[in-house]
Structure formats: structure tokens, C-alpha cells
PDB file of all heavy atoms in Angstrom:
ATOM      1  N   CYS A   1      13.024  20.510 -11.889  1.00  0.00           N
ATOM      2  CA  CYS A   1      13.429  19.177 -11.469  1.00  0.00           C
ATOM      3  C   CYS A   1      14.645  18.659 -12.217  1.00  0.00           C
ATOM      4  O   CYS A   1      15.180  17.616 -11.882  1.00  0.00           O
ATOM      5  CB  CYS A   1      12.269  18.190 -11.659  1.00  0.00           C
ATOM      6  SG  CYS A   1      10.777  18.684 -10.800  1.00  0.00           S
ATOM      7  N   GLY A   2      15.062  19.357 -13.256  1.00  0.00           N
ATOM      8  CA  GLY A   2      16.193  18.884 -14.036  1.00  0.00           C
ATOM      9  C   GLY A   2      15.750  17.938 -15.125  1.00  0.00           C
ATOM     10  O   GLY A   2      14.593  17.571 -15.232  1.00  0.00           O
ATOM     11  N   CYS A   3      16.658  17.561 -15.956  1.00  0.00           N
ATOM     12  CA  CYS A   3      16.337  16.681 -17.072  1.00  0.00           C
ATOM     13  C   CYS A   3      16.029  15.283 -16.562  1.00  0.00           C
ATOM     14  O   CYS A   3      16.773  14.709 -15.782  1.00  0.00           O
ATOM     15  CB  CYS A   3      17.510  16.641 -18.047  1.00  0.00           C
ATOM     16  SG  CYS A   3      17.158  15.721 -19.540  1.00  0.00           S
ATOM     17  N   LYS A   4      14.909  14.734 -17.002  1.00  0.00           N
ATOM     18  CA  LYS A   4      14.471  13.414 -16.561  1.00  0.00           C
ATOM     19  C   LYS A   4      14.808  12.373 -17.617  1.00  0.00           C
ATOM     20  O   LYS A   4      15.116  12.695 -18.763  1.00  0.00           O
ATOM     21  CB  LYS A   4      12.957  13.429 -16.308  1.00  0.00           C
ATOM     22  CG  LYS A   4      12.531  14.494 -15.292  1.00  0.00           C
ATOM     23  CD  LYS A   4      13.139  14.253 -13.932  1.00  0.00           C
ATOM     24  CE  LYS A   4      12.698  15.309 -12.939  1.00  0.00           C
ATOM     25  NZ  LYS A   4      13.303  15.134 -11.621  1.00  0.00           N
ATOM     26  N   PRO A   5      14.703  11.116 -17.266  1.00  0.00           N
ATOM     27  CA  PRO A   5      14.967  10.074 -18.257  1.00  0.00           C
ATOM     28  C   PRO A   5      14.034  10.202 -19.451  1.00  0.00           C
ATOM     29  O   PRO A   5      12.868  10.568 -19.305  1.00  0.00           O
ATOM     30  CB  PRO A   5      14.704   8.775 -17.482  1.00  0.00           C
ATOM     31  CG  PRO A   5      14.884   9.146 -16.045  1.00  0.00           C
ATOM     32  CD  PRO A   5      14.424  10.566 -15.941  1.00  0.00           C
ATOM     33  N   LYS A   6      14.533   9.880 -20.616  1.00  0.00           N
ATOM     34  CA  LYS A   6      13.707   9.922 -21.815  1.00  0.00           C
ATOM     35  C   LYS A   6      12.684   8.808 -21.755  1.00  0.00           C
ATOM     36  O   LYS A   6      12.940   7.736 -21.257  1.00  0.00           O
ATOM     37  CB  LYS A   6      14.576   9.762 -23.065  1.00  0.00           C
ATOM     38  CG  LYS A   6      15.630  10.854 -23.221  1.00  0.00           C
ATOM     39  CD  LYS A   6      16.544  10.548 -24.381  1.00  0.00           C
ATOM     40  CE  LYS A   6      17.671  11.569 -24.485  1.00  0.00           C
ATOM     41  NZ  LYS A   6      18.602  11.278 -25.578  1.00  0.00           N
ATOM     42  N   GLY A   7      11.499   9.087 -22.300  1.00  0.00           N
ATOM     43  CA  GLY A   7      10.465   8.059 -22.336  1.00  0.00           C
ATOM     44  C   GLY A   7       9.138   8.610 -21.905  1.00  0.00           C
ATOM     45  O   GLY A   7       8.985   9.789 -21.652  1.00  0.00           O
ATOM     46  N   ASP A   8       8.153   7.743 -21.803  1.00  0.00           N
ATOM     47  CA  ASP A   8       6.796   8.132 -21.452  1.00  0.00           C
ATOM     48  C   ASP A   8       6.620   8.089 -19.944  1.00  0.00           C
ATOM     49  O   ASP A   8       6.955   7.111 -19.286  1.00  0.00           O
ATOM     50  CB  ASP A   8       5.811   7.168 -22.110  1.00  0.00           C
ATOM     51  CG  ASP A   8       4.368   7.572 -21.888  1.00  0.00           C
ATOM     52  OD1 ASP A   8       4.158   8.686 -21.378  1.00  0.00           O
ATOM     53  OD2 ASP A   8       3.477   6.771 -22.215  1.00  0.00           O
ATOM     54  N   ALA A   9       6.054   9.199 -19.364  1.00  0.00           N
ATOM     55  CA  ALA A   9       5.881   9.273 -17.911  1.00  0.00           C
ATOM     56  C   ALA A   9       4.511   8.798 -17.479  1.00  0.00           C
ATOM     57  O   ALA A   9       4.141   8.937 -16.326  1.00  0.00           O
ATOM     58  CB  ALA A   9       6.104  10.715 -17.446  1.00  0.00           C
ATOM     59  N   SER A  10       3.720   8.261 -18.385  1.00  0.00           N
ATOM     60  CA  SER A  10       2.376   7.839 -18.025  1.00  0.00           C
ATOM     61  C   SER A  10       2.413   6.614 -17.125  1.00  0.00           C
ATOM     62  O   SER A  10       3.361   5.840 -17.140  1.00  0.00           O
ATOM     63  CB  SER A  10       1.556   7.526 -19.284  1.00  0.00           C
ATOM     64  OG  SER A  10       2.164   6.472 -19.999  1.00  0.00           O
ATOM     65  N   ASP A  11       1.365   6.459 -16.325  1.00  0.00           N
ATOM     66  CA  ASP A  11       1.278   5.342 -15.395  1.00  0.00           C
ATOM     67  C   ASP A  11       0.374   4.274 -16.005  1.00  0.00           C
ATOM     68  O   ASP A  11      -0.834   4.440 -16.083  1.00  0.00           O
ATOM     69  CB  ASP A  11       0.722   5.840 -14.057  1.00  0.00           C
ATOM     70  CG  ASP A  11       0.720   4.738 -13.007  1.00  0.00           C
ATOM     71  OD1 ASP A  11       1.032   3.578 -13.335  1.00  0.00           O
ATOM     72  OD2 ASP A  11       0.391   5.041 -11.865  1.00  0.00           O
ATOM     73  N   SER A  12       0.933   3.175 -16.437  1.00  0.00           N
ATOM     74  CA  SER A  12       0.160   2.148 -17.118  1.00  0.00           C
ATOM     75  C   SER A  12      -0.772   1.404 -16.172  1.00  0.00           C
ATOM     76  O   SER A  12      -1.643   0.659 -16.622  1.00  0.00           O
ATOM     77  CB  SER A  12       1.111   1.147 -17.794  1.00  0.00           C
ATOM     78  OG  SER A  12       1.957   0.539 -16.828  1.00  0.00           O
ATOM     79  N   SER A  13      -0.594   1.628 -14.842  1.00  0.00           N
ATOM     80  CA  SER A  13      -1.441   0.923 -13.888  1.00  0.00           C
ATOM     81  C   SER A  13      -2.796   1.594 -13.712  1.00  0.00           C
ATOM     82  O   SER A  13      -3.682   1.068 -13.059  1.00  0.00           O
ATOM     83  CB  SER A  13      -0.732   0.829 -12.532  1.00  0.00           C
ATOM     84  OG  SER A  13      -0.569   2.117 -11.960  1.00  0.00           O
ATOM     85  N   GLU A  14      -2.940   2.801 -14.264  1.00  0.00           N
ATOM     86  CA  GLU A  14      -4.204   3.512 -14.114  1.00  0.00           C
ATOM     87  C   GLU A  14      -5.300   2.823 -14.917  1.00  0.00           C
ATOM     88  O   GLU A  14      -5.059   2.222 -15.960  1.00  0.00           O
ATOM     89  CB  GLU A  14      -4.065   4.960 -14.587  1.00  0.00           C
ATOM     90  CG  GLU A  14      -3.239   5.826 -13.661  1.00  0.00           C
ATOM     91  CD  GLU A  14      -3.210   7.274 -14.122  1.00  0.00           C
ATOM     92  OE1 GLU A  14      -3.377   7.512 -15.325  1.00  0.00           O
ATOM     93  OE2 GLU A  14      -3.036   8.143 -13.284  1.00  0.00           O
ATOM     94  N   THR A  15      -6.531   2.916 -14.427  1.00  0.00           N
ATOM     95  CA  THR A  15      -7.687   2.357 -15.123  1.00  0.00           C
ATOM     96  C   THR A  15      -8.709   3.459 -15.350  1.00  0.00           C
ATOM     97  O   THR A  15      -8.658   4.510 -14.742  1.00  0.00           O
ATOM     98  CB  THR A  15      -8.319   1.229 -14.291  1.00  0.00           C
ATOM     99  OG1 THR A  15      -8.709   1.761 -13.009  1.00  0.00           O
ATOM    100  CG2 THR A  15      -7.327   0.094 -14.061  1.00  0.00           C
ATOM    101  N   GLY A  16      -9.667   3.176 -16.216  1.00  0.00           N
ATOM    102  CA  GLY A  16     -10.719   4.145 -16.470  1.00  0.00           C
ATOM    103  C   GLY A  16     -10.284   5.315 -17.315  1.00  0.00           C
ATOM    104  O   GLY A  16     -10.942   6.357 -17.308  1.00  0.00           O
ATOM    105  N   GLU A  17      -9.196   5.199 -18.059  1.00  0.00           N
ATOM    106  CA  GLU A  17      -8.719   6.301 -18.882  1.00  0.00           C
ATOM    107  C   GLU A  17      -9.563   6.441 -20.140  1.00  0.00           C
ATOM    108  O   GLU A  17      -9.998   5.455 -20.728  1.00  0.00           O
ATOM    109  CB  GLU A  17      -7.247   6.091 -19.261  1.00  0.00           C
ATOM    110  CG  GLU A  17      -6.299   6.119 -18.080  1.00  0.00           C
ATOM    111  CD  GLU A  17      -4.845   6.015 -18.497  1.00  0.00           C
ATOM    112  OE1 GLU A  17      -4.578   6.114 -19.715  1.00  0.00           O
ATOM    113  OE2 GLU A  17      -3.981   5.852 -17.627  1.00  0.00           O
ATOM    114  N   LEU A  18      -9.788   7.669 -20.559  1.00  0.00           N
ATOM    115  CA  LEU A  18     -10.544   7.959 -21.769  1.00  0.00           C
ATOM    116  C   LEU A  18      -9.645   7.794 -22.988  1.00  0.00           C
ATOM    117  O   LEU A  18      -8.445   8.042 -22.930  1.00  0.00           O
ATOM    118  CB  LEU A  18     -11.087   9.388 -21.724  1.00  0.00           C
ATOM    119  CG  LEU A  18     -12.009   9.726 -20.546  1.00  0.00           C
ATOM    120  CD1 LEU A  18     -12.248  11.228 -20.483  1.00  0.00           C
ATOM    121  CD2 LEU A  18     -13.326   8.983 -20.676  1.00  0.00           C
ATOM    122  N   LYS A  19     -10.227   7.392 -24.096  1.00  0.00           N
ATOM    123  CA  LYS A  19      -9.452   7.210 -25.315  1.00  0.00           C
ATOM    124  C   LYS A  19      -9.223   8.523 -26.049  1.00  0.00           C
ATOM    125  O   LYS A  19      -8.262   8.650 -26.806  1.00  0.00           O
ATOM    126  CB  LYS A  19     -10.164   6.212 -26.236  1.00  0.00           C
ATOM    127  CG  LYS A  19     -10.221   4.790 -25.682  1.00  0.00           C
ATOM    128  CD  LYS A  19     -10.869   3.845 -26.666  1.00  0.00           C
ATOM    129  CE  LYS A  19     -10.901   2.414 -26.128  1.00  0.00           C
ATOM    130  NZ  LYS A  19     -11.536   1.471 -27.085  1.00  0.00           N
ATOM    131  N   ALA A  20     -10.109   9.500 -25.850  1.00  0.00           N
ATOM    132  CA  ALA A  20     -10.018  10.786 -26.537  1.00  0.00           C
ATOM    133  C   ALA A  20      -9.868  11.904 -25.507  1.00  0.00           C
ATOM    134  O   ALA A  20     -10.152  11.707 -24.321  1.00  0.00           O
ATOM    135  CB  ALA A  20     -11.266  11.013 -27.390  1.00  0.00           C
ATOM    136  N   PRO A  21      -9.423  13.088 -25.944  1.00  0.00           N
ATOM    137  CA  PRO A  21      -9.387  14.225 -25.026  1.00  0.00           C
ATOM    138  C   PRO A  21     -10.748  14.444 -24.382  1.00  0.00           C
ATOM    139  O   PRO A  21     -11.785  14.307 -25.029  1.00  0.00           O
ATOM    140  CB  PRO A  21      -9.002  15.391 -25.945  1.00  0.00           C
ATOM    141  CG  PRO A  21      -8.185  14.743 -27.027  1.00  0.00           C
ATOM    142  CD  PRO A  21      -8.847  13.420 -27.261  1.00  0.00           C
ATOM    143  N   ALA A  22     -10.755  14.766 -23.115  1.00  0.00           N
ATOM    144  CA  ALA A  22     -11.980  14.809 -22.320  1.00  0.00           C
ATOM    145  C   ALA A  22     -12.910  15.952 -22.700  1.00  0.00           C
ATOM    146  O   ALA A  22     -12.477  17.017 -23.144  1.00  0.00           O
ATOM    147  CB  ALA A  22     -11.629  14.912 -20.840  1.00  0.00           C
ATOM    148  N   THR A  23     -14.194  15.728 -22.502  1.00  0.00           N
ATOM    149  CA  THR A  23     -15.181  16.799 -22.558  1.00  0.00           C
ATOM    150  C   THR A  23     -15.218  17.459 -21.183  1.00  0.00           C
ATOM    151  O   THR A  23     -14.651  16.951 -20.211  1.00  0.00           O
ATOM    152  CB  THR A  23     -16.573  16.247 -22.898  1.00  0.00           C
ATOM    153  OG1 THR A  23     -17.004  15.381 -21.826  1.00  0.00           O
ATOM    154  CG2 THR A  23     -16.551  15.464 -24.205  1.00  0.00           C
ATOM    155  N   VAL A  24     -15.911  18.578 -21.085  1.00  0.00           N
ATOM    156  CA  VAL A  24     -16.047  19.260 -19.798  1.00  0.00           C
ATOM    157  C   VAL A  24     -16.723  18.341 -18.790  1.00  0.00           C
ATOM    158  O   VAL A  24     -16.302  18.237 -17.630  1.00  0.00           O
ATOM    159  CB  VAL A  24     -16.847  20.570 -19.958  1.00  0.00           C
ATOM    160  CG1 VAL A  24     -17.181  21.173 -18.597  1.00  0.00           C
ATOM    161  CG2 VAL A  24     -16.070  21.578 -20.797  1.00  0.00           C
ATOM    162  N   GLU A  25     -17.766  17.650 -19.212  1.00  0.00           N
ATOM    163  CA  GLU A  25     -18.508  16.771 -18.310  1.00  0.00           C
ATOM    164  C   GLU A  25     -17.640  15.609 -17.824  1.00  0.00           C
ATOM    165  O   GLU A  25     -17.683  15.250 -16.644  1.00  0.00           O
ATOM    166  CB  GLU A  25     -19.766  16.237 -19.011  1.00  0.00           C
ATOM    167  CG  GLU A  25     -20.823  17.299 -19.324  1.00  0.00           C
ATOM    168  CD  GLU A  25     -20.462  18.164 -20.521  1.00  0.00           C
ATOM    169  OE1 GLU A  25     -19.512  17.802 -21.277  1.00  0.00           O
ATOM    170  OE2 GLU A  25     -21.100  19.218 -20.694  1.00  0.00           O
ATOM    171  N   GLN A  26     -16.868  15.029 -18.722  1.00  0.00           N
ATOM    172  CA  GLN A  26     -15.991  13.924 -18.339  1.00  0.00           C
ATOM    173  C   GLN A  26     -14.918  14.386 -17.357  1.00  0.00           C
ATOM    174  O   GLN A  26     -14.598  13.685 -16.389  1.00  0.00           O
ATOM    175  CB  GLN A  26     -15.350  13.316 -19.584  1.00  0.00           C
ATOM    176  CG  GLN A  26     -16.330  12.549 -20.468  1.00  0.00           C
ATOM    177  CD  GLN A  26     -15.732  12.172 -21.804  1.00  0.00           C
ATOM    178  OE1 GLN A  26     -14.837  12.852 -22.318  1.00  0.00           O
ATOM    179  NE2 GLN A  26     -16.216  11.080 -22.391  1.00  0.00           N
ATOM    180  N   ALA A  27     -14.370  15.550 -17.607  1.00  0.00           N
ATOM    181  CA  ALA A  27     -13.339  16.083 -16.715  1.00  0.00           C
ATOM    182  C   ALA A  27     -13.905  16.397 -15.336  1.00  0.00           C
ATOM    183  O   ALA A  27     -13.273  16.130 -14.308  1.00  0.00           O
ATOM    184  CB  ALA A  27     -12.719  17.334 -17.322  1.00  0.00           C
ATOM    185  N   ALA A  28     -15.119  16.953 -15.291  1.00  0.00           N
ATOM    186  CA  ALA A  28     -15.746  17.303 -14.016  1.00  0.00           C
ATOM    187  C   ALA A  28     -16.012  16.065 -13.174  1.00  0.00           C
ATOM    188  O   ALA A  28     -16.000  16.137 -11.935  1.00  0.00           O
ATOM    189  CB  ALA A  28     -17.045  18.064 -14.259  1.00  0.00           C
ATOM    190  N   HIS A  29     -16.226  14.949 -13.823  1.00  0.00           N
ATOM    191  CA  HIS A  29     -16.477  13.701 -13.090  1.00  0.00           C
ATOM    192  C   HIS A  29     -15.227  13.246 -12.333  1.00  0.00           C
ATOM    193  O   HIS A  29     -15.330  12.607 -11.283  1.00  0.00           O
ATOM    194  CB  HIS A  29     -16.916  12.615 -14.066  1.00  0.00           C
ATOM    195  CG  HIS A  29     -17.263  11.314 -13.412  1.00  0.00           C
ATOM    196  ND1 HIS A  29     -18.395  11.133 -12.643  1.00  0.00           N
ATOM    197  CD2 HIS A  29     -16.607  10.117 -13.397  1.00  0.00           C
ATOM    198  CE1 HIS A  29     -18.429   9.900 -12.185  1.00  0.00           C
ATOM    199  NE2 HIS A  29     -17.352   9.253 -12.630  1.00  0.00           N
ATOM    200  N   VAL A  30     -14.048  13.603 -12.856  1.00  0.00           N
ATOM    201  CA  VAL A  30     -12.791  13.235 -12.212  1.00  0.00           C
ATOM    202  C   VAL A  30     -12.365  14.273 -11.187  1.00  0.00           C
ATOM    203  O   VAL A  30     -11.965  13.938 -10.068  1.00  0.00           O
ATOM    204  CB  VAL A  30     -11.681  13.044 -13.270  1.00  0.00           C
ATOM    205  CG1 VAL A  30     -10.343  12.728 -12.609  1.00  0.00           C
ATOM    206  CG2 VAL A  30     -12.062  11.941 -14.243  1.00  0.00           C
ATOM    207  N   LEU A  31     -12.464  15.559 -11.532  1.00  0.00           N
ATOM    208  CA  LEU A  31     -12.069  16.631 -10.612  1.00  0.00           C
ATOM    209  C   LEU A  31     -12.710  17.941 -11.033  1.00  0.00           C
ATOM    210  O   LEU A  31     -12.590  18.357 -12.188  1.00  0.00           O
ATOM    211  CB  LEU A  31     -10.552  16.798 -10.593  1.00  0.00           C
ATOM    212  CG  LEU A  31     -10.018  17.936  -9.715  1.00  0.00           C
ATOM    213  CD1 LEU A  31     -10.275  17.635  -8.236  1.00  0.00           C
ATOM    214  CD2 LEU A  31      -8.523  18.158  -9.943  1.00  0.00           C
ATOM    215  N   ASP A  32     -13.382  18.575 -10.085  1.00  0.00           N
ATOM    216  CA  ASP A  32     -13.966  19.895 -10.296  1.00  0.00           C
ATOM    217  C   ASP A  32     -13.345  20.830  -9.258  1.00  0.00           C
ATOM    218  O   ASP A  32     -13.658  20.763  -8.074  1.00  0.00           O
ATOM    219  CB  ASP A  32     -15.487  19.844 -10.132  1.00  0.00           C
ATOM    220  CG  ASP A  32     -16.154  21.175 -10.429  1.00  0.00           C
ATOM    221  OD1 ASP A  32     -15.430  22.180 -10.596  1.00  0.00           O
ATOM    222  OD2 ASP A  32     -17.401  21.213 -10.472  1.00  0.00           O
ATOM    223  N   LEU A  33     -12.454  21.700  -9.708  1.00  0.00           N
ATOM    224  CA  LEU A  33     -11.733  22.563  -8.780  1.00  0.00           C
ATOM    225  C   LEU A  33     -12.593  23.668  -8.186  1.00  0.00           C
ATOM    226  O   LEU A  33     -12.149  24.374  -7.270  1.00  0.00           O
ATOM    227  CB  LEU A  33     -10.500  23.165  -9.470  1.00  0.00           C
ATOM    228  CG  LEU A  33      -9.366  22.164  -9.749  1.00  0.00           C
ATOM    229  CD1 LEU A  33      -8.255  22.813 -10.568  1.00  0.00           C
ATOM    230  CD2 LEU A  33      -8.810  21.607  -8.446  1.00  0.00           C
ATOM    231  N   THR A  34     -13.825  23.814  -8.649  1.00  0.00           N
ATOM    232  CA  THR A  34     -14.721  24.779  -8.005  1.00  0.00           C
ATOM    233  C   THR A  34     -15.175  24.280  -6.644  1.00  0.00           C
ATOM    234  O   THR A  34     -15.685  25.050  -5.829  1.00  0.00           O
ATOM    235  CB  THR A  34     -15.958  25.068  -8.879  1.00  0.00           C
ATOM    236  OG1 THR A  34     -16.719  23.863  -9.036  1.00  0.00           O
ATOM    237  CG2 THR A  34     -15.558  25.608 -10.245  1.00  0.00           C
ATOM    238  N   THR A  35     -14.992  22.991  -6.381  1.00  0.00           N
ATOM    239  CA  THR A  35     -15.392  22.416  -5.097  1.00  0.00           C
ATOM    240  C   THR A  35     -14.184  22.002  -4.257  1.00  0.00           C
ATOM    241  O   THR A  35     -14.349  21.409  -3.191  1.00  0.00           O
ATOM    242  CB  THR A  35     -16.293  21.189  -5.315  1.00  0.00           C
ATOM    243  OG1 THR A  35     -15.545  20.160  -5.993  1.00  0.00           O
ATOM    244  CG2 THR A  35     -17.514  21.553  -6.151  1.00  0.00           C
ATOM    245  N   PHE A  36     -12.985  22.293  -4.724  1.00  0.00           N
ATOM    246  CA  PHE A  36     -11.773  21.887  -4.007  1.00  0.00           C
ATOM    247  C   PHE A  36     -11.656  22.663  -2.697  1.00  0.00           C
ATOM    248  O   PHE A  36     -11.842  23.880  -2.664  1.00  0.00           O
ATOM    249  CB  PHE A  36     -10.547  22.158  -4.874  1.00  0.00           C
ATOM    250  CG  PHE A  36      -9.307  21.419  -4.452  1.00  0.00           C
ATOM    251  CD1 PHE A  36      -9.036  20.166  -4.961  1.00  0.00           C
ATOM    252  CD2 PHE A  36      -8.421  21.978  -3.543  1.00  0.00           C
ATOM    253  CE1 PHE A  36      -7.893  19.472  -4.592  1.00  0.00           C
ATOM    254  CE2 PHE A  36      -7.282  21.295  -3.161  1.00  0.00           C
ATOM    255  CZ  PHE A  36      -7.008  20.031  -3.681  1.00  0.00           C
ATOM    256  N   PRO A  37     -11.350  21.983  -1.565  1.00  0.00           N
ATOM    257  CA  PRO A  37     -11.268  22.675  -0.273  1.00  0.00           C
ATOM    258  C   PRO A  37     -10.066  23.605  -0.200  1.00  0.00           C
ATOM    259  O   PRO A  37      -9.010  23.333  -0.781  1.00  0.00           O
ATOM    260  CB  PRO A  37     -11.138  21.528   0.725  1.00  0.00           C
ATOM    261  CG  PRO A  37     -10.490  20.423  -0.052  1.00  0.00           C
ATOM    262  CD  PRO A  37     -11.070  20.533  -1.438  1.00  0.00           C
ATOM    263  N   LEU A  38     -10.228  24.711   0.533  1.00  0.00           N
ATOM    264  CA  LEU A  38      -9.153  25.672   0.739  1.00  0.00           C
ATOM    265  C   LEU A  38      -8.581  25.512   2.146  1.00  0.00           C
ATOM    266  O   LEU A  38      -9.275  25.087   3.068  1.00  0.00           O
ATOM    267  CB  LEU A  38      -9.663  27.101   0.553  1.00  0.00           C
ATOM    268  CG  LEU A  38     -10.377  27.419  -0.760  1.00  0.00           C
ATOM    269  CD1 LEU A  38     -10.770  28.895  -0.790  1.00  0.00           C
ATOM    270  CD2 LEU A  38      -9.507  27.067  -1.965  1.00  0.00           C
TER     271      LEU A  38
END
């Protein structure tokens, strides 16, 4: 994509974000790719 503007790319409008790196269970609650449609 080429060099992007410097700064944080996070979306501050998101809600429900975890404060710490996710556990497996927490991540599965958001997305489990074993069930993703093909």
C-alpha cells in the first residue's frame, strides 16, 4: 500500500476492547475461523 501517514491506525470508535492481550476464549468469542464460511 505504500508508506502511510505516521501515527496510530487504531479506531477509537470501537467498543468492547480488551485491556490485555486476548486469551483463546476471548478471541474465539470475537471470531473463530474454524467456523468461517468458504
